[in-house]
Each structure stands twice: as C-alpha cells, then as structure tokens.
C-alpha cells in the first residue's frame, strides 16, 4: 500500500507541474482514487478469505494468510489422507529459505509430498523427526505457495496437525478425525459401512468376518 500511495504522490506532483495545485489536479485525484480502490479491494478480498469456512486460516495481518486443510475428514484407518498447505501475500512480501515444516502426529504414516510456487520448492521427509519440510517458499498473489502431503492413518482418533513457516513463524492448524475399522457386524448396519468407506454393507460385514480374532 505504501508503494501504491508513493506512486500516486509522485504521479500527482508530476502531472500538476503545469501550475495546477496537486490536490486539485484531476490526474492526481484519479490516481489517488484508483489507489484507494485497489487497496480496499485487496483488504476486503483477504479478509473474506480469512473468514472462509473451508479450512483453518491464520492471517498475520491483512496482507499475509496461511491455511491448512485435511481431506477427507473423517478418514478411515488405512485410507489416504491429504494435507494441503497454502500461503500467499498481497505483494511479493516474503521469502523463506528454511521453508514450511509439518511435523506428522504419531499414527500417521508418510506417503509422499510435493509443492508448487516460485523458486520451485522441494519437499523432503525426515523419518527420525517425522517431519515434512518444503523449501524455499516465496509468497505472492500471482503464484502462491502450495504443498500437498499424503499420509496413511494407522490409528483412529482425533488429531491436530500444525504447519509452520520457520523463518517468519507463521503457522496454520487443522483438526481431523480418523475412524476405526469395524470390529462388529453392528458397526456395518444403518449406513455405518459408509463411515468405513466400504462400497456396501455386505463388503463391510465380510471384512468383519475375515478379521475376527
């Protein structure tokens, strides 16, 4: 916004060089009105994004936001769960050499990770630290950073996963549920088989029968 207003001021002074006072120059007024409109549009757009119900969104201020989603939610043990991390800025405002780190909670097995954005970020997984790191990251509106991390839950329950930009301290969290596999035929009745991602009730019951101790 400072750059926009500075540009408006410089343009107004130059265009008012014919003797017309700066504040009275119709050119300067047009530039200032346009600057104000653009700034208002960016603020409204970012605030609307931050209030989105699609995911947990963290905004450090109105010019930077970071979000994290988990899909599907709920997910069943043994099925693929996908984390998506997105971050952007209203301008080319931030470069993070250390990148974004996402420690995986116990009960989640790493499958793969990739990222898109400027400077071609690369994702790596540390087995000892159980952490996915994607770097470097450049945040902008034209080409925001986006990372996709795939895991397979091995335990059921409610989990919380937090991704953090190490350089700037920005972070975003998401809470999701992992359903246990059915252990009784009753789990498969009344539509319960849908909760376990089985195609029909019969397949769910067959699974229970095959996995009885």
N, C-alpha and C. Protein backbone atom coordinates (compact mmCIF):
# COMPACT_ATOMS: atom_id res chain seq x y z
N UNK A 1 0.83 -1.19 0.00
CA UNK A 1 0.00 0.00 0.00
C UNK A 1 0.87 1.25 0.00
N UNK A 2 2.01 1.21 0.75
CA UNK A 2 2.91 2.35 0.75
C UNK A 2 3.45 2.65 -0.64
N UNK A 3 3.78 1.57 -1.37
CA UNK A 3 4.29 1.76 -2.74
C UNK A 3 3.24 2.40 -3.63
N UNK A 4 1.97 1.96 -3.46
CA UNK A 4 0.89 2.50 -4.29
C UNK A 4 0.69 3.97 -4.01
N UNK A 5 0.65 4.33 -2.71
CA UNK A 5 0.42 5.72 -2.35
C UNK A 5 1.61 6.59 -2.76
N UNK A 6 2.84 6.05 -2.65
CA UNK A 6 4.02 6.79 -3.09
C UNK A 6 3.95 7.05 -4.58
N UNK A 7 3.54 6.05 -5.34
CA UNK A 7 3.40 6.20 -6.78
C UNK A 7 2.36 7.26 -7.09
N UNK A 8 1.25 7.25 -6.34
CA UNK A 8 0.20 8.22 -6.56
C UNK A 8 0.71 9.63 -6.29
N UNK A 9 1.50 9.79 -5.23
CA UNK A 9 2.03 11.10 -4.87
C UNK A 9 2.98 11.63 -5.93
N UNK A 10 3.90 10.77 -6.36
CA UNK A 10 4.86 11.18 -7.39
C UNK A 10 4.15 11.53 -8.68
N UNK A 11 3.18 10.69 -9.08
CA UNK A 11 2.45 10.94 -10.32
C UNK A 11 1.68 12.24 -10.21
N UNK A 12 1.07 12.49 -9.05
CA UNK A 12 0.29 13.71 -8.86
C UNK A 12 1.15 14.94 -8.98
N UNK A 13 2.35 14.91 -8.39
CA UNK A 13 3.24 16.06 -8.45
C UNK A 13 3.71 16.32 -9.87
N UNK A 14 4.00 15.26 -10.59
CA UNK A 14 4.46 15.43 -11.97
C UNK A 14 3.35 15.97 -12.86
N UNK A 15 2.18 15.42 -12.68
CA UNK A 15 1.07 15.84 -13.53
C UNK A 15 0.57 17.23 -13.16
N UNK A 16 0.91 17.69 -11.95
CA UNK A 16 0.47 19.01 -11.52
C UNK A 16 1.54 20.07 -11.78
N UNK A 17 2.55 19.72 -12.55
CA UNK A 17 3.66 20.64 -12.81
C UNK A 17 3.25 21.83 -13.67
N UNK A 18 2.03 21.79 -14.26
CA UNK A 18 1.61 22.89 -15.11
C UNK A 18 1.08 24.06 -14.29
N UNK A 19 1.21 23.96 -12.96
CA UNK A 19 0.77 25.06 -12.11
C UNK A 19 -0.51 24.76 -11.36
N UNK A 20 -1.20 23.68 -11.75
CA UNK A 20 -2.42 23.32 -11.04
C UNK A 20 -2.03 22.70 -9.71
N UNK A 21 -2.59 23.15 -8.59
CA UNK A 21 -2.23 22.57 -7.29
C UNK A 21 -2.40 21.07 -7.29
N UNK A 22 -1.51 20.38 -6.56
CA UNK A 22 -1.53 18.90 -6.52
C UNK A 22 -2.90 18.36 -6.17
N UNK A 23 -3.47 18.85 -5.08
CA UNK A 23 -4.74 18.30 -4.63
C UNK A 23 -5.87 18.61 -5.60
N UNK A 24 -5.65 19.61 -6.44
CA UNK A 24 -6.70 19.97 -7.38
C UNK A 24 -6.52 19.34 -8.75
N UNK A 25 -5.40 18.68 -8.98
CA UNK A 25 -5.15 18.08 -10.27
C UNK A 25 -6.09 16.91 -10.50
N UNK A 26 -6.81 16.92 -11.62
CA UNK A 26 -7.74 15.82 -11.88
C UNK A 26 -7.00 14.52 -12.10
N UNK A 27 -5.78 14.58 -12.61
CA UNK A 27 -4.98 13.38 -12.81
C UNK A 27 -4.58 12.78 -11.47
N UNK A 28 -4.12 13.67 -10.57
CA UNK A 28 -3.72 13.20 -9.26
C UNK A 28 -4.89 12.58 -8.52
N UNK A 29 -6.05 13.23 -8.63
CA UNK A 29 -7.24 12.69 -7.96
C UNK A 29 -7.59 11.31 -8.49
N UNK A 30 -7.48 11.13 -9.81
CA UNK A 30 -7.80 9.83 -10.40
C UNK A 30 -6.85 8.75 -9.87
N UNK A 31 -5.54 9.10 -9.79
CA UNK A 31 -4.57 8.13 -9.31
C UNK A 31 -4.84 7.76 -7.86
N UNK A 32 -5.14 8.77 -7.04
CA UNK A 32 -5.41 8.50 -5.63
C UNK A 32 -6.67 7.67 -5.45
N UNK A 33 -7.71 7.98 -6.22
CA UNK A 33 -8.96 7.21 -6.13
C UNK A 33 -8.71 5.77 -6.54
N UNK A 34 -7.95 5.57 -7.62
CA UNK A 34 -7.63 4.23 -8.07
C UNK A 34 -6.82 3.48 -7.02
N UNK A 35 -5.85 4.15 -6.41
CA UNK A 35 -5.02 3.53 -5.37
C UNK A 35 -5.87 3.09 -4.19
N UNK A 36 -6.79 3.97 -3.77
CA UNK A 36 -7.66 3.64 -2.64
C UNK A 36 -8.56 2.47 -2.96
N UNK A 37 -9.07 2.43 -4.20
CA UNK A 37 -9.96 1.35 -4.61
C UNK A 37 -9.23 0.01 -4.63
N UNK A 38 -8.00 0.02 -5.17
CA UNK A 38 -7.23 -1.21 -5.22
C UNK A 38 -6.90 -1.71 -3.82
N UNK A 39 -6.50 -0.78 -2.94
CA UNK A 39 -6.17 -1.17 -1.57
C UNK A 39 -7.38 -1.75 -0.86
N UNK A 40 -8.53 -1.10 -1.01
CA UNK A 40 -9.76 -1.58 -0.38
C UNK A 40 -10.14 -2.96 -0.89
N UNK A 41 -9.97 -3.17 -2.20
CA UNK A 41 -10.32 -4.47 -2.79
C UNK A 41 -9.44 -5.57 -2.24
N UNK A 42 -8.13 -5.28 -2.07
CA UNK A 42 -7.22 -6.29 -1.54
C UNK A 42 -7.57 -6.64 -0.10
N UNK A 43 -7.87 -5.60 0.70
CA UNK A 43 -8.20 -5.84 2.11
C UNK A 43 -9.48 -6.65 2.24
N UNK A 44 -10.52 -6.27 1.48
CA UNK A 44 -11.79 -6.99 1.53
C UNK A 44 -11.62 -8.43 1.08
N UNK A 45 -10.84 -8.62 0.01
CA UNK A 45 -10.61 -9.96 -0.51
C UNK A 45 -9.89 -10.85 0.48
N UNK A 46 -8.85 -10.31 1.13
CA UNK A 46 -8.08 -11.10 2.08
C UNK A 46 -8.87 -11.39 3.35
N UNK A 47 -9.66 -10.42 3.79
CA UNK A 47 -10.49 -10.65 4.98
C UNK A 47 -11.55 -11.70 4.69
N UNK A 48 -12.09 -11.66 3.48
CA UNK A 48 -13.08 -12.67 3.10
C UNK A 48 -12.45 -14.04 3.05
N UNK A 49 -11.22 -14.11 2.57
CA UNK A 49 -10.50 -15.38 2.52
C UNK A 49 -10.24 -15.89 3.93
N UNK A 50 -9.86 -14.97 4.83
CA UNK A 50 -9.55 -15.37 6.19
C UNK A 50 -10.78 -15.88 6.93
N UNK A 51 -11.96 -15.41 6.54
CA UNK A 51 -13.19 -15.84 7.20
C UNK A 51 -13.80 -17.06 6.54
N UNK A 52 -13.10 -17.61 5.57
CA UNK A 52 -13.61 -18.78 4.87
C UNK A 52 -13.83 -19.94 5.83
N UNK A 53 -14.91 -20.67 5.61
CA UNK A 53 -15.19 -21.83 6.46
C UNK A 53 -14.58 -23.10 5.88
N UNK A 54 -13.82 -22.95 4.78
CA UNK A 54 -13.25 -24.12 4.13
C UNK A 54 -12.13 -24.75 4.95
N UNK A 55 -11.46 -23.97 5.77
CA UNK A 55 -10.31 -24.51 6.50
C UNK A 55 -9.94 -23.57 7.62
N UNK A 56 -9.03 -24.04 8.47
CA UNK A 56 -8.46 -23.16 9.47
C UNK A 56 -7.48 -22.24 8.77
N UNK A 57 -7.69 -20.92 8.90
CA UNK A 57 -6.86 -19.96 8.21
C UNK A 57 -6.22 -19.03 9.24
N UNK A 58 -4.93 -18.82 9.13
CA UNK A 58 -4.21 -17.92 10.01
C UNK A 58 -3.71 -16.74 9.19
N UNK A 59 -4.02 -15.52 9.63
CA UNK A 59 -3.53 -14.32 8.96
C UNK A 59 -2.69 -13.52 9.95
N UNK A 60 -1.42 -13.28 9.62
CA UNK A 60 -0.56 -12.50 10.49
C UNK A 60 -1.01 -11.05 10.48
N UNK A 61 -1.46 -10.59 9.36
CA UNK A 61 -2.09 -9.29 9.20
C UNK A 61 -2.92 -9.40 7.94
N UNK A 62 -3.50 -8.29 7.48
CA UNK A 62 -4.40 -8.38 6.33
C UNK A 62 -3.67 -8.64 5.03
N UNK A 63 -2.31 -8.67 5.06
CA UNK A 63 -1.58 -8.85 3.82
C UNK A 63 -0.90 -10.22 3.72
N UNK A 64 -1.05 -11.09 4.71
CA UNK A 64 -0.49 -12.43 4.62
C UNK A 64 -1.43 -13.42 5.27
N UNK A 65 -1.69 -14.51 4.56
CA UNK A 65 -2.55 -15.56 5.12
C UNK A 65 -1.98 -16.93 4.79
N UNK A 66 -2.23 -17.88 5.69
CA UNK A 66 -1.78 -19.25 5.52
C UNK A 66 -2.90 -20.17 5.98
N UNK A 67 -3.21 -21.20 5.18
CA UNK A 67 -4.29 -22.11 5.53
C UNK A 67 -3.84 -23.56 5.40
N UNK A 68 -4.57 -24.44 6.11
CA UNK A 68 -4.26 -25.86 6.06
C UNK A 68 -5.57 -26.64 6.07
N UNK A 69 -5.69 -27.62 5.17
CA UNK A 69 -6.88 -28.46 5.10
C UNK A 69 -6.48 -29.93 5.18
N UNK A 70 -7.44 -30.75 5.63
CA UNK A 70 -7.26 -32.20 5.69
C UNK A 70 -8.44 -32.86 5.02
N UNK A 71 -8.18 -33.65 3.98
CA UNK A 71 -9.28 -34.29 3.25
C UNK A 71 -8.93 -35.75 2.94
N UNK A 72 -9.93 -36.66 3.04
CA UNK A 72 -11.28 -36.38 3.53
C UNK A 72 -11.30 -36.34 5.05
N UNK A 73 -12.32 -35.73 5.60
CA UNK A 73 -12.48 -35.67 7.04
C UNK A 73 -13.94 -35.96 7.37
N UNK A 74 -14.24 -37.09 8.01
CA UNK A 74 -13.28 -38.05 8.57
C UNK A 74 -12.71 -38.97 7.51
N UNK A 75 -11.63 -39.65 7.88
CA UNK A 75 -11.00 -40.64 7.02
C UNK A 75 -10.91 -41.94 7.82
N UNK A 76 -10.82 -43.07 7.12
CA UNK A 76 -10.75 -44.37 7.79
C UNK A 76 -9.31 -44.86 7.86
N UNK A 77 -8.98 -45.58 8.91
CA UNK A 77 -7.65 -46.18 9.05
C UNK A 77 -7.29 -46.94 7.77
N UNK A 78 -6.07 -46.71 7.27
CA UNK A 78 -5.61 -47.40 6.07
C UNK A 78 -5.89 -46.68 4.78
N UNK A 79 -6.73 -45.64 4.82
CA UNK A 79 -7.04 -44.87 3.63
C UNK A 79 -6.10 -43.67 3.51
N UNK A 80 -6.05 -43.07 2.34
CA UNK A 80 -5.16 -41.93 2.12
C UNK A 80 -5.77 -40.64 2.64
N UNK A 81 -4.99 -39.90 3.42
CA UNK A 81 -5.38 -38.60 3.94
C UNK A 81 -4.45 -37.56 3.33
N UNK A 82 -5.01 -36.47 2.84
CA UNK A 82 -4.22 -35.45 2.16
C UNK A 82 -4.26 -34.13 2.92
N UNK A 83 -3.07 -33.61 3.26
CA UNK A 83 -2.94 -32.28 3.83
C UNK A 83 -2.61 -31.32 2.70
N UNK A 84 -3.27 -30.17 2.68
CA UNK A 84 -2.94 -29.13 1.71
C UNK A 84 -2.62 -27.85 2.47
N UNK A 85 -1.44 -27.30 2.21
CA UNK A 85 -1.00 -26.07 2.87
C UNK A 85 -0.87 -24.98 1.81
N UNK A 86 -1.54 -23.85 2.03
CA UNK A 86 -1.46 -22.73 1.08
C UNK A 86 -1.05 -21.47 1.84
N UNK A 87 -0.22 -20.65 1.20
CA UNK A 87 0.19 -19.39 1.81
C UNK A 87 0.38 -18.35 0.71
N UNK A 88 -0.05 -17.12 0.99
CA UNK A 88 0.11 -16.07 -0.01
C UNK A 88 0.17 -14.71 0.67
N UNK A 89 0.66 -13.74 -0.08
CA UNK A 89 0.78 -12.37 0.39
C UNK A 89 0.16 -11.46 -0.66
N UNK A 90 -0.26 -10.27 -0.24
CA UNK A 90 -0.86 -9.33 -1.18
C UNK A 90 0.16 -8.79 -2.16
N UNK A 91 1.44 -8.83 -1.78
CA UNK A 91 2.51 -8.40 -2.67
C UNK A 91 3.64 -9.43 -2.55
N UNK A 92 4.72 -9.20 -3.31
CA UNK A 92 5.89 -10.09 -3.21
C UNK A 92 6.59 -9.77 -1.90
N UNK A 93 6.01 -10.24 -0.78
CA UNK A 93 6.41 -9.70 0.51
C UNK A 93 7.34 -10.58 1.31
N UNK A 94 7.45 -11.86 0.99
CA UNK A 94 8.22 -12.71 1.88
C UNK A 94 8.94 -13.83 1.14
N UNK A 95 10.18 -14.08 1.55
CA UNK A 95 10.96 -15.20 1.03
C UNK A 95 11.48 -15.98 2.22
N UNK A 96 11.21 -17.28 2.25
CA UNK A 96 11.63 -18.11 3.37
C UNK A 96 12.57 -19.19 2.88
N UNK A 97 13.84 -19.08 3.24
CA UNK A 97 14.82 -20.06 2.80
C UNK A 97 14.66 -21.39 3.54
N UNK A 98 14.21 -21.32 4.81
CA UNK A 98 14.04 -22.55 5.59
C UNK A 98 12.74 -23.27 5.26
N UNK A 99 11.79 -22.54 4.72
CA UNK A 99 10.55 -23.16 4.25
C UNK A 99 9.54 -23.48 5.33
N UNK A 100 8.56 -24.29 4.94
CA UNK A 100 7.48 -24.70 5.83
C UNK A 100 7.72 -26.11 6.32
N UNK A 101 7.53 -26.33 7.62
CA UNK A 101 7.71 -27.65 8.22
C UNK A 101 6.38 -28.15 8.78
N UNK A 102 6.12 -29.41 8.56
CA UNK A 102 4.89 -30.03 9.04
C UNK A 102 5.21 -31.32 9.79
N UNK A 103 5.30 -31.27 11.12
CA UNK A 103 5.54 -32.50 11.90
C UNK A 103 4.28 -33.37 11.88
N UNK A 104 4.44 -34.65 11.57
CA UNK A 104 3.29 -35.55 11.48
C UNK A 104 3.02 -36.18 12.85
N UNK A 105 1.77 -36.14 13.31
CA UNK A 105 1.44 -36.78 14.59
C UNK A 105 1.67 -38.29 14.52
N UNK A 106 1.92 -38.89 15.66
CA UNK A 106 2.03 -40.35 15.72
C UNK A 106 0.72 -40.96 15.27
N UNK A 107 0.81 -42.06 14.53
CA UNK A 107 -0.39 -42.69 14.00
C UNK A 107 -0.65 -42.36 12.55
N UNK A 108 0.25 -41.54 11.95
CA UNK A 108 0.15 -41.20 10.53
C UNK A 108 1.43 -41.65 9.84
N UNK A 109 1.30 -42.44 8.80
CA UNK A 109 2.46 -42.92 8.04
C UNK A 109 2.63 -42.08 6.78
N UNK A 110 3.83 -41.55 6.58
CA UNK A 110 4.13 -40.69 5.44
C UNK A 110 4.06 -41.48 4.13
N UNK A 111 3.46 -40.86 3.10
CA UNK A 111 3.38 -41.47 1.77
C UNK A 111 4.17 -40.65 0.76
N UNK A 112 3.82 -39.36 0.61
CA UNK A 112 4.50 -38.51 -0.38
C UNK A 112 4.23 -37.05 -0.06
N UNK A 113 5.03 -36.17 -0.69
CA UNK A 113 4.84 -34.72 -0.52
C UNK A 113 5.38 -34.00 -1.74
N UNK A 114 4.71 -32.93 -2.13
CA UNK A 114 5.15 -32.10 -3.25
C UNK A 114 4.68 -30.67 -3.02
N UNK A 115 5.30 -29.73 -3.73
CA UNK A 115 4.91 -28.32 -3.57
C UNK A 115 5.06 -27.58 -4.88
N UNK A 116 4.28 -26.52 -5.04
CA UNK A 116 4.36 -25.66 -6.22
C UNK A 116 4.50 -24.21 -5.75
N UNK A 117 5.05 -23.37 -6.62
CA UNK A 117 5.25 -21.97 -6.29
C UNK A 117 6.56 -21.49 -6.88
N UNK A 118 6.88 -20.22 -6.65
CA UNK A 118 8.12 -19.66 -7.17
C UNK A 118 9.33 -20.31 -6.51
N UNK A 119 10.45 -20.30 -7.22
CA UNK A 119 11.71 -20.89 -6.76
C UNK A 119 11.65 -22.41 -6.64
N UNK A 120 10.60 -23.03 -7.23
CA UNK A 120 10.49 -24.49 -7.30
C UNK A 120 10.76 -25.16 -5.95
N UNK A 121 9.89 -24.98 -4.97
CA UNK A 121 10.11 -25.60 -3.66
C UNK A 121 10.16 -27.12 -3.73
N UNK A 122 11.02 -27.71 -2.92
CA UNK A 122 11.19 -29.15 -2.86
C UNK A 122 10.80 -29.65 -1.47
N UNK A 123 10.07 -30.76 -1.41
CA UNK A 123 9.64 -31.32 -0.13
C UNK A 123 10.45 -32.56 0.20
N UNK A 124 10.91 -32.64 1.44
CA UNK A 124 11.65 -33.80 1.92
C UNK A 124 11.03 -34.27 3.23
N UNK A 125 11.21 -35.56 3.54
CA UNK A 125 10.67 -36.12 4.77
C UNK A 125 11.78 -36.70 5.62
N UNK A 126 11.83 -36.28 6.88
CA UNK A 126 12.81 -36.82 7.83
C UNK A 126 12.12 -37.88 8.67
N UNK A 127 12.55 -39.13 8.52
CA UNK A 127 11.94 -40.22 9.27
C UNK A 127 12.22 -40.10 10.77
N UNK A 128 13.41 -39.67 11.12
CA UNK A 128 13.76 -39.58 12.54
C UNK A 128 12.94 -38.50 13.25
N UNK A 129 12.69 -37.40 12.55
CA UNK A 129 11.92 -36.30 13.14
C UNK A 129 10.44 -36.36 12.77
N UNK A 130 10.08 -37.30 11.88
CA UNK A 130 8.70 -37.41 11.39
C UNK A 130 8.19 -36.07 10.89
N UNK A 131 9.03 -35.37 10.13
CA UNK A 131 8.69 -34.01 9.71
C UNK A 131 8.87 -33.83 8.21
N UNK A 132 7.88 -33.21 7.57
CA UNK A 132 7.97 -32.84 6.15
C UNK A 132 8.42 -31.39 6.08
N UNK A 133 9.44 -31.13 5.27
CA UNK A 133 9.94 -29.76 5.07
C UNK A 133 9.88 -29.42 3.59
N UNK A 134 9.25 -28.29 3.26
CA UNK A 134 9.16 -27.83 1.87
C UNK A 134 9.83 -26.46 1.77
N UNK A 135 10.87 -26.35 0.93
CA UNK A 135 11.62 -25.10 0.83
C UNK A 135 12.27 -24.99 -0.54
N UNK A 136 12.62 -23.75 -0.97
CA UNK A 136 12.28 -22.48 -0.32
C UNK A 136 10.86 -22.07 -0.67
N UNK A 137 10.35 -21.06 0.02
CA UNK A 137 9.00 -20.59 -0.27
C UNK A 137 9.01 -19.09 -0.55
N UNK A 138 8.26 -18.68 -1.57
CA UNK A 138 8.07 -17.27 -1.88
C UNK A 138 6.57 -17.02 -1.89
N UNK A 139 6.12 -16.04 -1.12
CA UNK A 139 4.69 -15.78 -1.01
C UNK A 139 4.30 -14.59 -1.88
N UNK A 140 3.30 -14.79 -2.73
CA UNK A 140 2.81 -13.71 -3.58
C UNK A 140 1.39 -14.04 -4.01
N UNK A 141 0.69 -13.04 -4.55
CA UNK A 141 -0.68 -13.28 -5.03
C UNK A 141 -0.66 -13.95 -6.38
N UNK A 142 0.35 -13.65 -7.19
CA UNK A 142 0.39 -14.20 -8.54
C UNK A 142 0.64 -15.69 -8.58
N UNK A 143 1.48 -16.19 -7.67
CA UNK A 143 1.83 -17.61 -7.63
C UNK A 143 2.04 -18.03 -6.18
N UNK A 144 0.96 -18.25 -5.44
CA UNK A 144 1.08 -18.59 -4.03
C UNK A 144 1.74 -19.94 -3.81
N UNK A 145 2.32 -20.12 -2.63
CA UNK A 145 2.92 -21.40 -2.27
C UNK A 145 1.82 -22.40 -1.93
N UNK A 146 1.98 -23.64 -2.41
CA UNK A 146 1.02 -24.69 -2.08
C UNK A 146 1.75 -26.03 -1.96
N UNK A 147 1.56 -26.69 -0.83
CA UNK A 147 2.17 -28.00 -0.59
C UNK A 147 1.09 -29.04 -0.39
N UNK A 148 1.31 -30.25 -0.92
CA UNK A 148 0.39 -31.37 -0.75
C UNK A 148 1.14 -32.52 -0.09
N UNK A 149 0.63 -32.94 1.05
CA UNK A 149 1.26 -34.03 1.81
C UNK A 149 0.26 -35.17 1.97
N UNK A 150 0.65 -36.36 1.55
CA UNK A 150 -0.23 -37.53 1.66
C UNK A 150 0.29 -38.47 2.76
N UNK A 151 -0.64 -38.92 3.60
CA UNK A 151 -0.30 -39.84 4.69
C UNK A 151 -1.35 -40.94 4.75
N UNK A 152 -1.03 -42.01 5.48
CA UNK A 152 -1.98 -43.10 5.72
C UNK A 152 -2.14 -43.28 7.23
N UNK A 153 -3.33 -43.05 7.78
CA UNK A 153 -3.54 -43.23 9.22
C UNK A 153 -3.46 -44.71 9.60
N UNK A 154 -2.74 -44.98 10.68
CA UNK A 154 -2.65 -46.35 11.19
C UNK A 154 -3.37 -46.48 12.54
N UNK A 155 -3.82 -45.36 13.07
CA UNK A 155 -4.56 -45.35 14.33
C UNK A 155 -5.80 -44.47 14.18
N UNK A 156 -6.83 -44.79 14.95
CA UNK A 156 -8.05 -43.98 14.89
C UNK A 156 -8.07 -42.98 16.05
N UNK A 157 -8.87 -41.93 15.89
CA UNK A 157 -8.97 -40.90 16.91
C UNK A 157 -9.05 -39.53 16.29
N UNK A 158 -8.93 -38.51 17.11
CA UNK A 158 -8.93 -37.12 16.66
C UNK A 158 -7.51 -36.57 16.73
N UNK A 159 -7.07 -35.96 15.65
CA UNK A 159 -5.69 -35.48 15.55
C UNK A 159 -5.67 -33.99 15.21
N UNK A 160 -4.59 -33.33 15.59
CA UNK A 160 -4.36 -31.95 15.20
C UNK A 160 -2.99 -31.86 14.56
N UNK A 161 -2.95 -31.23 13.38
CA UNK A 161 -1.70 -31.11 12.64
C UNK A 161 -1.41 -29.64 12.39
N UNK A 162 -0.19 -29.19 12.67
CA UNK A 162 0.18 -27.79 12.51
C UNK A 162 1.39 -27.65 11.61
N UNK A 163 1.27 -26.79 10.60
CA UNK A 163 2.39 -26.48 9.70
C UNK A 163 2.89 -25.08 10.05
N UNK A 164 4.23 -24.91 10.05
CA UNK A 164 4.81 -23.63 10.46
C UNK A 164 5.89 -23.19 9.49
N UNK A 165 5.88 -21.89 9.16
CA UNK A 165 6.98 -21.31 8.40
C UNK A 165 8.08 -20.97 9.40
N UNK A 166 9.21 -21.63 9.28
CA UNK A 166 10.28 -21.50 10.27
C UNK A 166 10.89 -20.10 10.27
N UNK A 167 11.04 -19.49 9.11
CA UNK A 167 11.69 -18.18 9.02
C UNK A 167 10.87 -17.09 9.69
N UNK A 168 9.57 -17.05 9.43
CA UNK A 168 8.73 -15.95 9.90
C UNK A 168 7.81 -16.31 11.07
N UNK A 169 7.68 -17.60 11.35
CA UNK A 169 6.84 -18.00 12.48
C UNK A 169 5.36 -18.10 12.17
N UNK A 170 4.97 -17.97 10.90
CA UNK A 170 3.57 -18.13 10.53
C UNK A 170 3.19 -19.61 10.70
N UNK A 171 1.96 -19.87 11.10
CA UNK A 171 1.53 -21.26 11.23
C UNK A 171 0.03 -21.38 10.98
N UNK A 172 -0.40 -22.60 10.66
CA UNK A 172 -1.82 -22.89 10.47
C UNK A 172 -2.06 -24.32 10.91
N UNK A 173 -3.19 -24.57 11.57
CA UNK A 173 -3.50 -25.89 12.10
C UNK A 173 -4.84 -26.39 11.57
N UNK A 174 -5.00 -27.70 11.62
CA UNK A 174 -6.27 -28.30 11.23
C UNK A 174 -6.50 -29.54 12.09
N UNK A 175 -7.73 -29.72 12.56
CA UNK A 175 -8.10 -30.89 13.36
C UNK A 175 -8.95 -31.82 12.52
N UNK A 176 -8.66 -33.11 12.57
CA UNK A 176 -9.39 -34.07 11.73
C UNK A 176 -9.62 -35.35 12.51
N UNK A 177 -10.52 -36.18 11.99
CA UNK A 177 -10.90 -37.42 12.66
C UNK A 177 -10.57 -38.63 11.80
N UNK A 178 -10.01 -39.66 12.43
CA UNK A 178 -9.74 -40.93 11.76
C UNK A 178 -10.65 -41.98 12.38
N UNK A 179 -11.50 -42.59 11.56
CA UNK A 179 -12.42 -43.63 12.04
C UNK A 179 -11.71 -44.97 12.18
N UNK A 180 -12.04 -45.71 13.25
CA UNK A 180 -11.51 -47.06 13.43
C UNK A 180 -12.17 -47.99 12.41
N UNK A 181 -11.52 -49.10 12.11
CA UNK A 181 -12.13 -50.10 11.25
C UNK A 181 -13.19 -50.86 12.04
N UNK A 182 -14.21 -51.37 11.37
CA UNK A 182 -15.30 -52.07 12.08
C UNK A 182 -14.80 -53.37 12.72
N UNK A 183 -15.30 -53.65 13.90
CA UNK A 183 -14.95 -54.90 14.60
C UNK A 183 -16.16 -55.79 14.84
N UNK A 184 -17.37 -55.22 14.70
CA UNK A 184 -18.61 -55.96 14.90
C UNK A 184 -19.52 -55.74 13.70
N UNK A 185 -20.36 -56.73 13.42
CA UNK A 185 -21.31 -56.60 12.32
C UNK A 185 -22.23 -55.41 12.52
N UNK A 186 -22.52 -55.12 13.78
CA UNK A 186 -23.40 -53.99 14.08
C UNK A 186 -22.81 -52.67 13.59
N UNK A 187 -21.48 -52.61 13.51
CA UNK A 187 -20.83 -51.39 13.02
C UNK A 187 -21.19 -51.11 11.57
N UNK A 188 -21.55 -52.17 10.84
CA UNK A 188 -21.82 -52.04 9.41
C UNK A 188 -23.28 -51.71 9.11
N UNK A 189 -24.13 -51.78 10.12
CA UNK A 189 -25.56 -51.58 9.87
C UNK A 189 -25.95 -50.11 9.93
N UNK A 190 -27.14 -49.83 9.43
CA UNK A 190 -27.73 -48.48 9.45
C UNK A 190 -26.81 -47.45 8.81
N UNK A 191 -26.22 -47.84 7.71
CA UNK A 191 -25.36 -46.90 6.98
C UNK A 191 -23.96 -46.79 7.53
N UNK A 192 -23.65 -47.56 8.60
CA UNK A 192 -22.31 -47.48 9.18
C UNK A 192 -21.21 -47.86 8.23
N UNK A 193 -21.51 -48.73 7.27
CA UNK A 193 -20.48 -49.14 6.31
C UNK A 193 -19.95 -47.96 5.51
N UNK A 194 -20.79 -46.93 5.35
CA UNK A 194 -20.35 -45.74 4.61
C UNK A 194 -19.23 -45.02 5.38
N UNK A 195 -19.31 -45.06 6.72
CA UNK A 195 -18.29 -44.40 7.53
C UNK A 195 -16.92 -45.03 7.36
N UNK A 196 -16.91 -46.30 6.93
CA UNK A 196 -15.65 -47.03 6.77
C UNK A 196 -15.24 -47.12 5.30
N UNK A 197 -15.93 -46.39 4.45
CA UNK A 197 -15.61 -46.34 3.01
C UNK A 197 -15.79 -47.68 2.29
N UNK A 198 -16.67 -48.54 2.81
CA UNK A 198 -16.97 -49.79 2.10
C UNK A 198 -18.05 -49.50 1.05
N UNK A 199 -18.02 -50.19 -0.10
CA UNK A 199 -18.99 -49.93 -1.16
C UNK A 199 -20.43 -50.32 -0.78
N UNK A 200 -20.57 -51.28 0.15
CA UNK A 200 -21.92 -51.69 0.57
C UNK A 200 -21.82 -52.38 1.93
N UNK A 201 -22.96 -52.69 2.51
CA UNK A 201 -22.99 -53.30 3.84
C UNK A 201 -22.39 -54.70 3.82
N UNK A 202 -22.64 -55.45 2.75
CA UNK A 202 -22.14 -56.82 2.66
C UNK A 202 -20.62 -56.87 2.70
N UNK A 203 -19.96 -55.95 2.00
CA UNK A 203 -18.50 -55.91 1.98
C UNK A 203 -17.96 -55.58 3.37
N UNK A 204 -18.66 -54.71 4.06
CA UNK A 204 -18.25 -54.35 5.42
C UNK A 204 -18.35 -55.55 6.36
N UNK A 205 -19.47 -56.29 6.27
CA UNK A 205 -19.66 -57.46 7.12
C UNK A 205 -18.62 -58.54 6.79
N UNK A 206 -18.31 -58.69 5.51
CA UNK A 206 -17.29 -59.67 5.10
C UNK A 206 -15.94 -59.34 5.71
N UNK A 207 -15.62 -58.04 5.75
CA UNK A 207 -14.36 -57.59 6.36
C UNK A 207 -14.32 -57.98 7.83
N UNK A 208 -15.44 -57.76 8.56
CA UNK A 208 -15.50 -58.11 9.97
C UNK A 208 -15.29 -59.61 10.17
N UNK A 209 -15.96 -60.39 9.34
CA UNK A 209 -15.83 -61.85 9.46
C UNK A 209 -14.41 -62.34 9.20
N UNK A 210 -13.75 -61.72 8.24
CA UNK A 210 -12.39 -62.13 7.85
C UNK A 210 -11.35 -61.70 8.88
N UNK A 211 -11.68 -60.70 9.69
CA UNK A 211 -10.68 -60.17 10.62
C UNK A 211 -11.03 -60.45 12.08
N UNK A 212 -11.91 -61.41 12.30
CA UNK A 212 -12.21 -61.80 13.68
C UNK A 212 -10.99 -62.50 14.29
N UNK A 213 -10.69 -62.23 15.54
CA UNK A 213 -9.52 -62.85 16.19
C UNK A 213 -9.74 -64.35 16.38
